[in-house]
N, C-alpha and C. Protein backbone atom coordinates (compact mmCIF):
# COMPACT_ATOMS: atom_id res chain seq x y z
N MET A 1 314.15 68.41 -8.32
CA MET A 1 312.54 68.98 -7.79
C MET A 1 311.87 67.73 -8.51
N THR A 2 310.56 67.39 -7.88
CA THR A 2 309.10 66.59 -8.33
C THR A 2 308.92 67.04 -9.69
N LYS A 3 308.25 66.08 -10.11
CA LYS A 3 307.76 66.47 -11.33
C LYS A 3 306.16 66.93 -10.98
N SER A 4 305.75 66.61 -10.24
CA SER A 4 304.21 67.47 -9.17
C SER A 4 305.02 68.68 -8.97
N LEU A 5 305.55 68.73 -8.26
CA LEU A 5 306.18 70.11 -7.72
C LEU A 5 306.23 71.47 -8.97
N VAL A 6 306.87 70.83 -9.83
CA VAL A 6 307.18 71.37 -10.98
C VAL A 6 305.48 71.56 -11.34
N LEU A 7 305.07 71.01 -11.15
CA LEU A 7 303.53 70.87 -12.07
C LEU A 7 302.82 72.02 -11.00
N VAL A 8 302.90 71.88 -10.15
CA VAL A 8 302.41 72.99 -9.03
C VAL A 8 302.36 74.47 -9.65
N LEU A 9 303.99 74.48 -9.38
CA LEU A 9 304.51 75.77 -9.67
C LEU A 9 304.20 76.20 -10.86
N ALA A 10 303.86 75.33 -12.09
CA ALA A 10 303.44 75.57 -13.57
C ALA A 10 302.07 76.40 -13.37
N LEU A 11 301.67 75.45 -12.75
CA LEU A 11 299.66 75.89 -12.44
C LEU A 11 299.71 77.30 -12.14
N ALA A 12 300.80 77.49 -10.70
CA ALA A 12 300.66 78.83 -10.16
C ALA A 12 301.10 80.39 -10.75
N ALA A 13 302.03 79.66 -11.71
CA ALA A 13 302.30 80.75 -12.30
C ALA A 13 301.26 81.10 -13.27
N CYS A 14 300.78 80.21 -14.12
CA CYS A 14 299.51 80.17 -15.31
C CYS A 14 298.47 81.23 -14.62
N GLY A 15 298.46 81.40 -13.58
CA GLY A 15 297.06 81.73 -12.63
C GLY A 15 295.94 80.69 -12.57
N LYS A 16 294.21 81.45 -12.89
CA LYS A 16 293.75 81.11 -12.19
C LYS A 16 293.35 80.35 -13.49
N SER A 17 292.30 78.80 -13.66
CA SER A 17 292.11 78.30 -14.70
C SER A 17 290.90 78.48 -14.96
N LYS A 18 290.60 78.31 -16.14
CA LYS A 18 289.67 78.74 -17.00
C LYS A 18 288.28 78.64 -16.38
N ALA A 19 288.35 77.37 -15.46
CA ALA A 19 286.86 77.16 -14.96
C ALA A 19 286.97 78.49 -13.80
N ALA A 20 288.03 78.19 -13.24
CA ALA A 20 287.68 79.86 -12.40
C ALA A 20 287.15 81.23 -12.46
N GLN A 21 288.20 81.30 -13.76
CA GLN A 21 287.62 82.69 -14.66
C GLN A 21 286.15 82.75 -14.73
N CYS A 22 286.10 81.27 -14.99
CA CYS A 22 284.22 81.53 -15.61
C CYS A 22 283.23 81.78 -14.62
N THR A 23 283.72 81.30 -13.52
CA THR A 23 283.01 80.83 -12.09
C THR A 23 282.59 82.57 -11.71
N GLU A 24 284.26 83.42 -11.61
CA GLU A 24 284.08 85.02 -11.56
C GLU A 24 283.53 85.80 -12.22
N VAL A 25 283.36 85.12 -13.51
CA VAL A 25 282.84 86.13 -14.60
C VAL A 25 281.14 86.05 -13.92
N ILE A 26 281.10 84.75 -13.99
CA ILE A 26 279.54 84.92 -14.14
C ILE A 26 278.92 84.99 -13.07
N GLU A 27 279.31 84.61 -11.74
CA GLU A 27 279.49 85.28 -10.43
C GLU A 27 278.94 87.25 -10.39
N THR A 28 279.82 88.04 -11.21
CA THR A 28 280.37 89.27 -11.36
C THR A 28 278.97 89.45 -12.11
N TYR A 29 278.84 88.94 -13.56
CA TYR A 29 277.78 89.07 -14.26
C TYR A 29 276.18 88.93 -13.40
N ASN A 30 276.12 87.85 -12.74
CA ASN A 30 274.92 87.52 -12.17
C ASN A 30 274.78 89.13 -11.33
N ALA A 31 275.51 89.62 -10.49
CA ALA A 31 275.41 90.95 -9.79
C ALA A 31 274.66 92.09 -10.37
N VAL A 32 275.53 92.21 -12.04
CA VAL A 32 274.77 93.47 -12.87
C VAL A 32 273.57 92.82 -13.25
N GLY A 33 272.94 91.32 -13.19
CA GLY A 33 271.85 91.04 -13.88
C GLY A 33 270.75 91.37 -12.54
N GLU A 34 270.97 91.46 -11.20
CA GLU A 34 270.80 91.89 -9.98
C GLU A 34 270.29 93.56 -10.02
N ALA A 35 271.30 93.69 -10.30
CA ALA A 35 271.10 95.72 -10.34
C ALA A 35 270.14 95.67 -11.38
N ILE A 36 270.13 95.67 -12.54
CA ILE A 36 269.28 95.44 -13.69
C ILE A 36 268.10 95.13 -13.19
N ARG A 37 267.81 94.16 -12.52
CA ARG A 37 266.28 93.57 -12.33
C ARG A 37 265.19 94.62 -11.14
N LYS A 38 266.67 95.23 -10.51
CA LYS A 38 265.82 96.15 -9.51
C LYS A 38 264.50 96.88 -10.10
N GLY A 39 265.44 97.76 -11.48
CA GLY A 39 263.88 98.36 -12.19
C GLY A 39 263.81 100.02 -11.87
N VAL A 40 262.87 100.42 -12.56
CA VAL A 40 262.94 101.72 -12.48
C VAL A 40 261.50 102.48 -12.23
N GLY A 41 261.02 101.42 -11.37
CA GLY A 41 259.71 101.66 -11.25
C GLY A 41 258.85 101.84 -12.40
N ASP A 42 258.23 102.87 -12.05
CA ASP A 42 257.24 103.14 -13.17
C ASP A 42 257.90 103.65 -14.44
N GLY A 43 259.08 104.21 -13.82
CA GLY A 43 259.92 105.29 -15.34
C GLY A 43 259.63 106.58 -14.97
N SER A 44 258.43 107.11 -13.75
CA SER A 44 258.38 108.94 -14.42
C SER A 44 259.56 109.58 -13.32
N ASP A 45 260.28 108.75 -12.27
CA ASP A 45 261.24 109.33 -11.21
C ASP A 45 262.28 109.22 -11.64
N PRO A 46 263.11 110.02 -11.76
CA PRO A 46 264.80 110.29 -12.20
C PRO A 46 264.93 109.74 -11.29
N ALA A 47 265.43 110.54 -10.17
CA ALA A 47 266.22 109.51 -8.93
C ALA A 47 265.84 108.06 -8.61
N VAL A 48 265.18 107.72 -9.35
CA VAL A 48 264.69 106.02 -9.18
C VAL A 48 265.59 105.60 -10.83
N ILE A 49 265.38 106.31 -11.31
CA ILE A 49 266.24 105.57 -12.80
C ILE A 49 267.65 105.51 -12.45
N GLU A 50 267.99 107.08 -11.34
CA GLU A 50 270.06 107.41 -10.99
C GLU A 50 269.91 106.19 -10.66
N ALA A 51 269.00 105.69 -9.49
CA ALA A 51 269.68 104.91 -8.33
C ALA A 51 269.81 103.86 -8.53
N THR A 52 269.52 103.57 -9.84
CA THR A 52 269.17 102.18 -10.46
C THR A 52 270.50 101.94 -11.83
N THR A 53 270.81 102.92 -11.89
CA THR A 53 271.71 103.02 -13.00
C THR A 53 273.30 103.25 -12.45
N LYS A 54 273.55 103.97 -11.05
CA LYS A 54 274.55 104.05 -10.39
C LYS A 54 274.82 102.35 -9.59
N GLY A 55 273.27 101.64 -9.64
CA GLY A 55 273.61 100.12 -8.91
C GLY A 55 274.34 99.41 -10.31
N VAL A 56 273.90 99.67 -12.01
CA VAL A 56 274.43 99.15 -12.65
C VAL A 56 275.73 99.15 -12.94
N GLU A 57 276.22 100.80 -12.79
CA GLU A 57 277.18 101.06 -12.89
C GLU A 57 278.52 100.08 -12.29
N ASP A 58 278.13 100.79 -10.95
CA ASP A 58 279.08 99.60 -10.12
C ASP A 58 279.26 98.31 -10.00
N ALA A 59 278.29 97.46 -10.29
CA ALA A 59 278.42 96.42 -10.34
C ALA A 59 278.96 95.99 -12.09
N THR A 60 278.69 96.87 -12.47
CA THR A 60 279.55 96.61 -14.22
C THR A 60 280.93 97.05 -13.91
N LYS A 61 281.47 98.09 -13.09
CA LYS A 61 282.60 98.30 -12.74
C LYS A 61 283.26 97.04 -12.82
N ALA A 62 283.00 96.21 -11.53
CA ALA A 62 283.31 94.93 -10.97
C ALA A 62 282.96 93.75 -11.91
N PHE A 63 282.47 94.07 -12.71
CA PHE A 63 282.38 92.91 -13.72
C PHE A 63 283.50 92.80 -14.98
N ILE A 64 283.65 94.38 -14.70
CA ILE A 64 284.84 94.86 -15.79
C ILE A 64 286.11 94.62 -15.45
N ALA A 65 286.43 94.08 -13.68
CA ALA A 65 287.87 94.34 -13.36
C ALA A 65 287.94 92.72 -13.34
N VAL A 66 287.30 91.49 -13.44
CA VAL A 66 288.04 90.78 -13.01
C VAL A 66 289.04 90.35 -14.33
N ASP A 67 289.92 89.60 -13.62
CA ASP A 67 291.07 89.24 -14.20
C ASP A 67 290.74 87.96 -15.04
N VAL A 68 290.81 88.48 -16.53
CA VAL A 68 290.81 87.09 -17.58
C VAL A 68 292.01 86.68 -18.36
N LYS A 69 292.40 85.70 -18.24
CA LYS A 69 293.14 85.14 -19.03
C LYS A 69 293.40 84.56 -20.25
N ASP A 70 291.83 83.98 -20.52
CA ASP A 70 291.01 82.69 -21.33
C ASP A 70 291.06 83.72 -22.54
N SER A 71 291.10 83.83 -23.72
CA SER A 71 290.93 84.68 -24.49
C SER A 71 289.44 84.32 -24.98
N GLY A 72 288.85 83.13 -25.31
CA GLY A 72 287.31 83.09 -24.80
C GLY A 72 286.58 83.60 -24.21
N VAL A 73 286.88 83.47 -22.82
CA VAL A 73 286.32 84.06 -21.58
C VAL A 73 286.31 85.31 -21.75
N LYS A 74 287.55 86.18 -22.07
CA LYS A 74 287.79 87.65 -22.34
C LYS A 74 286.89 88.33 -23.33
N SER A 75 286.86 87.43 -24.32
CA SER A 75 286.03 88.04 -25.50
C SER A 75 284.46 88.21 -25.23
N ALA A 76 284.40 87.37 -24.37
CA ALA A 76 282.71 87.06 -24.02
C ALA A 76 282.62 87.96 -22.99
N ARG A 77 283.41 88.12 -21.97
CA ARG A 77 283.54 89.15 -21.45
C ARG A 77 283.03 90.53 -21.30
N ASP A 78 283.79 91.18 -22.60
CA ASP A 78 284.19 92.37 -22.91
C ASP A 78 283.13 92.51 -24.27
N ASP A 79 282.18 91.46 -24.41
CA ASP A 79 281.49 91.65 -25.21
C ASP A 79 279.61 92.61 -24.34
N LEU A 80 280.12 91.20 -23.36
CA LEU A 80 278.83 92.00 -22.12
C LEU A 80 279.06 93.28 -21.67
N ALA A 81 280.31 93.33 -21.33
CA ALA A 81 280.93 94.79 -20.60
C ALA A 81 279.90 96.01 -21.68
N LYS A 82 280.78 96.04 -22.86
CA LYS A 82 280.14 96.86 -24.09
C LYS A 82 278.50 97.11 -23.53
N ALA A 83 277.98 95.80 -23.94
CA ALA A 83 276.41 96.08 -23.91
C ALA A 83 276.13 96.49 -22.19
N PHE A 84 276.56 96.44 -21.02
CA PHE A 84 276.24 97.02 -20.17
C PHE A 84 276.28 98.11 -19.79
N THR A 85 277.81 98.76 -20.79
CA THR A 85 278.10 100.07 -20.65
C THR A 85 276.95 100.77 -21.38
N ASP A 86 276.80 99.91 -22.65
CA ASP A 86 275.40 101.20 -23.72
C ASP A 86 274.62 101.46 -22.87
N HIS A 87 274.17 100.17 -22.07
CA HIS A 87 272.80 99.96 -21.37
C HIS A 87 273.11 101.17 -19.99
N ILE A 88 273.78 101.27 -19.65
CA ILE A 88 273.97 101.96 -18.58
C ILE A 88 273.77 104.14 -19.41
N ALA A 89 274.33 103.80 -20.59
CA ALA A 89 274.04 105.01 -21.36
C ALA A 89 273.01 105.19 -21.81
N ILE A 90 272.04 104.05 -22.05
CA ILE A 90 270.72 104.70 -22.54
C ILE A 90 269.54 104.76 -21.03
N MET A 91 270.12 104.09 -20.05
CA MET A 91 269.46 104.49 -18.59
C MET A 91 269.95 105.97 -18.21
N LYS A 92 270.66 106.67 -18.17
CA LYS A 92 271.29 107.80 -17.91
C LYS A 92 270.53 109.08 -19.00
N LYS A 93 270.61 108.48 -20.19
CA LYS A 93 269.56 109.51 -20.89
C LYS A 93 268.46 109.25 -20.55
N MET A 94 267.88 108.48 -20.75
CA MET A 94 266.52 108.25 -20.01
C MET A 94 266.25 109.20 -18.27
N ALA A 95 267.21 109.08 -18.00
CA ALA A 95 266.67 110.24 -16.24
C ALA A 95 266.38 111.01 -16.62
N GLY A 96 267.67 111.85 -17.71
CA GLY A 96 267.60 112.89 -18.10
C GLY A 96 266.32 113.48 -18.16
N ALA A 97 265.39 112.57 -19.71
CA ALA A 97 264.48 113.24 -20.79
C ALA A 97 263.27 112.90 -19.52
N VAL A 98 263.31 111.80 -18.53
CA VAL A 98 261.84 111.82 -17.67
C VAL A 98 262.46 113.24 -17.06
N ARG A 99 263.36 113.82 -16.54
CA ARG A 99 263.47 114.70 -15.92
C ARG A 99 262.93 116.01 -16.72
N ASP A 100 263.34 116.62 -17.91
CA ASP A 100 263.31 117.42 -18.74
C ASP A 100 261.78 117.42 -19.33
N ALA A 101 261.24 116.00 -19.35
CA ALA A 101 259.63 115.43 -19.54
C ALA A 101 258.89 116.65 -18.70
N LYS A 102 259.02 117.28 -17.20
CA LYS A 102 258.41 117.25 -16.11
C LYS A 102 258.44 119.12 -16.82
N ASP A 103 259.07 119.64 -17.41
CA ASP A 103 259.25 121.22 -18.24
C ASP A 103 258.49 120.84 -19.64
N PRO A 104 257.18 121.80 -19.54
CA PRO A 104 256.37 121.80 -20.88
C PRO A 104 257.10 122.53 -22.38
N ALA A 105 258.53 123.27 -21.76
CA ALA A 105 259.82 124.02 -22.67
C ALA A 105 260.28 122.20 -23.31
N LYS A 106 260.70 121.68 -22.52
CA LYS A 106 261.49 120.60 -22.90
C LYS A 106 260.84 119.07 -22.89
N ALA A 107 259.38 118.87 -22.81
CA ALA A 107 258.66 117.79 -23.10
C ALA A 107 258.67 117.14 -24.30
N ASP A 108 258.49 117.93 -25.51
CA ASP A 108 258.79 117.35 -27.05
C ASP A 108 259.72 116.52 -27.05
N ALA A 109 260.87 117.22 -26.72
CA ALA A 109 261.96 116.65 -27.33
C ALA A 109 262.55 115.30 -26.65
N ALA A 110 262.03 115.95 -24.93
CA ALA A 110 262.10 114.74 -24.29
C ALA A 110 261.34 113.35 -24.46
N MET A 111 260.15 113.51 -24.64
CA MET A 111 259.43 112.37 -25.02
C MET A 111 260.28 111.33 -26.52
N LYS A 112 260.48 112.12 -27.57
CA LYS A 112 261.97 112.15 -28.35
C LYS A 112 262.74 111.19 -28.22
N THR A 113 263.80 111.43 -26.74
CA THR A 113 264.19 110.85 -26.52
C THR A 113 264.03 109.84 -25.67
N ILE A 114 263.03 109.36 -24.90
CA ILE A 114 262.61 108.53 -23.96
C ILE A 114 261.93 106.91 -24.94
N ASN A 115 261.10 107.42 -26.33
CA ASN A 115 261.38 106.95 -27.23
C ASN A 115 262.44 105.95 -27.90
N ALA A 116 262.95 106.81 -27.94
CA ALA A 116 264.87 106.61 -28.96
C ALA A 116 265.33 105.69 -28.02
N ALA A 117 265.34 105.78 -26.55
CA ALA A 117 266.13 105.49 -25.54
C ALA A 117 265.41 104.28 -25.27
N ALA A 118 263.95 103.67 -25.78
CA ALA A 118 263.30 102.56 -25.70
C ALA A 118 263.86 101.69 -26.09
N ALA A 119 263.79 102.14 -27.46
CA ALA A 119 263.87 101.51 -28.70
C ALA A 119 265.57 100.41 -28.62
N SER A 120 266.17 101.63 -28.12
CA SER A 120 267.87 101.23 -28.06
C SER A 120 267.92 100.33 -26.82
N SER A 121 267.18 100.39 -25.82
CA SER A 121 267.07 99.48 -25.56
C SER A 121 267.24 97.94 -25.50
N GLU A 122 266.38 97.80 -26.21
CA GLU A 122 265.64 96.72 -26.91
C GLU A 122 267.03 95.97 -27.53
N LYS A 123 267.28 96.48 -28.05
CA LYS A 123 268.68 96.54 -29.11
C LYS A 123 270.10 95.64 -27.92
N THR A 124 269.73 96.57 -26.97
CA THR A 124 270.84 96.35 -25.68
C THR A 124 270.84 94.79 -24.99
N THR A 125 269.32 95.34 -24.78
CA THR A 125 269.17 93.95 -24.33
C THR A 125 269.04 92.59 -25.05
N ALA A 126 268.97 92.34 -26.34
CA ALA A 126 269.01 91.66 -27.25
C ALA A 126 270.80 91.23 -26.99
N SER A 127 271.78 92.32 -27.27
CA SER A 127 273.06 92.08 -27.14
C SER A 127 273.75 91.44 -26.00
N ILE A 128 272.74 91.71 -24.68
CA ILE A 128 273.30 91.51 -23.56
C ILE A 128 272.59 89.65 -23.92
N GLN A 129 271.70 89.24 -24.28
CA GLN A 129 271.30 87.66 -24.27
C GLN A 129 272.66 87.14 -25.10
N THR A 130 272.51 87.63 -26.50
CA THR A 130 273.80 87.37 -27.17
C THR A 130 274.93 87.29 -26.48
N SER A 131 275.65 87.99 -26.04
CA SER A 131 276.61 87.77 -25.51
C SER A 131 276.70 87.13 -24.10
N LYS A 132 275.65 87.00 -23.07
CA LYS A 132 275.75 86.33 -22.06
C LYS A 132 275.77 84.73 -22.73
N GLN A 133 275.16 84.40 -23.79
CA GLN A 133 274.95 82.83 -24.67
C GLN A 133 276.26 82.59 -24.88
N ALA A 134 276.96 83.56 -25.48
CA ALA A 134 278.74 82.97 -25.96
C ALA A 134 279.31 82.76 -24.60
N LEU A 135 279.27 83.49 -23.62
CA LEU A 135 279.74 83.93 -22.65
C LEU A 135 279.17 81.86 -22.16
N MET A 136 277.87 81.42 -21.73
CA MET A 136 278.09 80.23 -20.97
C MET A 136 278.48 79.22 -21.99
N THR A 137 278.85 79.37 -23.40
CA THR A 137 279.18 78.38 -24.74
C THR A 137 280.74 78.04 -24.19
N VAL A 138 281.22 79.09 -24.11
CA VAL A 138 282.94 79.25 -23.65
C VAL A 138 283.30 78.40 -22.66
N CYS A 139 282.26 79.00 -21.37
CA CYS A 139 282.31 78.05 -19.94
C CYS A 139 281.97 77.10 -19.95
N ASN A 140 281.07 76.34 -20.72
CA ASN A 140 279.92 75.47 -20.24
C ASN A 140 281.62 74.06 -21.34
N ALA A 141 282.44 74.87 -22.35
CA ALA A 141 283.24 73.92 -22.87
C ALA A 141 284.65 73.59 -21.86
N THR A 142 284.73 74.08 -20.66
CA THR A 142 285.48 74.26 -20.07
C THR A 142 285.79 72.65 -19.74
N ALA A 143 286.93 72.16 -19.49
CA ALA A 143 287.39 70.68 -19.03
C ALA A 143 287.03 70.79 -17.36
N LYS A 144 286.01 69.94 -17.17
CA LYS A 144 285.91 69.81 -15.60
C LYS A 144 287.43 68.73 -15.10
């Protein structure tokens, strides 16, 4: 066997390059971002919140499913996946609380839940930004 054939076989055995892994993770990250940016309208319709949540959840599943071998990329992807999963949980709580707020007997408790979810959402947004920056740092360190 020639040296170049051995090199090609060795590279094939190792899987995707770090750059290719980064590209795929960033593409699926962008899809999650697009789903989040669809928004929840004015926040008063639980069906709109649930529809957006479903889109974010589906995009997050695709993001998590990306095959990543590089430890730095995997760590950044996993941190983002946790933040997205936390965001989804907040959105689900918010949808339920908005639905409950329409019931006078549940309105006070629902408003407390909505306020707590809004505060949690700010923390999750910060976590997403920090994790995104970590991903960009890892991927920008990739040799071209």
